[in-house]
Amino acid sequence: MRIVLAPDSFKESMTAREAVSAMVRGIATVLPRAECVLVPMADGGEGTAGTVVDALGGTLLPARVRDPLGRQVLGEIGLVADGRTAVLEVASAIGLGLLAPAERDPTLTGTAGVADLLLAALDRGVGRVVVGLGGSATNDAGLGMLAALGARLLPASPLREDWGDLAAIDLTGLDPRLAAIDLDVACDVTAPLLGPHGSSRTFGRQKGASPAQVELLERRMVRAARALDLATGAPVSGRPGAGAAGGLGAALLALGGRLEPGVDLVARTVGLGQALVGADLVLTGEGTVDAESLHGKVVGGVIALAAAAGVPVVVLTGRRGAGAERVESLVEELVTLSDGHRDLAEALATGPRDLERAVAGYLAARTAGAGRDAADG
């Protein structure tokens, strides 16, 4: 029997790689001769670099970067074993988690740290860079990143608070190595740069902005959008995903990046589609399964690819949330790891053991059922 193991991380309980290991142990107790194909997954957010490196081989390397307030911190880049692909998570440089609650002010934060990550990757001589957007503390339309990569914000005089002086962006001074790489961007939101569903008004509050600051950020974005569209000769500011990570999506588009749903990009990078060929079963899962699991998340992406390949799917989860029945209707079975009577801290701590037992229990019941069906036949 060939079983593909393609879980997401179980947040605060285990990484995707640890989840795969627990699944392998569970399978071994029931089907010791099964062929396990290990494809840990992510959706472009936290843990993506480690997951891709785990799946393809490689290493995580430290990189000195600027945090959202310009302070030196240690970020990281993932370098895949072939030496040609680097994987970056913007949150390792400009993540909201790098700031204390009192420091969270998107009118002050910037994206220069993302440039530091990109430059660290370029220094390694890679030909492809995969960037995971998500978890940023910023809302500067990626202008900090562009300036740190060699772009000029015009006029050159310091910009006023609302960026009222910003008239144009000169991209001719960008590091020339950027033109020679493939830049793939994992993006799980479709927000444009501007408007009621844009970067500032959708995500500004969760990054610490007051209502008045949200409107200041929107005025800034109007000027940034005009300048980016003019610099690229295309309406990049209106593209779906341009507003991701505080408008960093638009700036990456200006660099020639290709925005793609994170789970699709990760699946393509780690070869999930190929792994499904000839498989008998897929096991996937995440910490909480709910209606959102089918929208840009690992579980939904795995279900879609497996359906196209004609392979049944079992989803394992620590908790069923609202809308979990929609996921359950699309798979062979939705298995909950515990009975829900333990407190959260205990459930998180015992997650790997519970996952191992849940996999073993499911496969034992499935095997017994198959045996009964054969006997009845």
Foldseek 3Di string as FASTA:
>chain_A
DEEEEEAQAAPLFGHLVLLLVLLLLLCCVAPVPYHYHYQYAFFLAPPLLVRLCVLQPFDKDWFFFAEQQGDTDIFIWTAGPVLAEIEEEQLSHFALVVDDLVPQDQLRTARCRVLRVVVVSVVSVHQEYEYRFDRGSYQQLRPNNQVNQFKAFPPNPDAPSLSVRGAAIANPGGDVSLVRHAYEYAAQFFAFCADCRAQLNPCVVVSPYDPVVSVSSRSSSVSVQNRLCVNQVHNLRGGTRCRTNNRPNSVVVSSVYDYDRRRVVRCVSSVVLVSLAPGAEYEYEYAEAAQCCLRSTNLVVNLVSNVVNVHAYEYEYQYYDYHNVVSQVSGPHYHHLDPPPDDPVVCSHCVSVSSSNRSNVVVVVVVVVVVVVVVVD
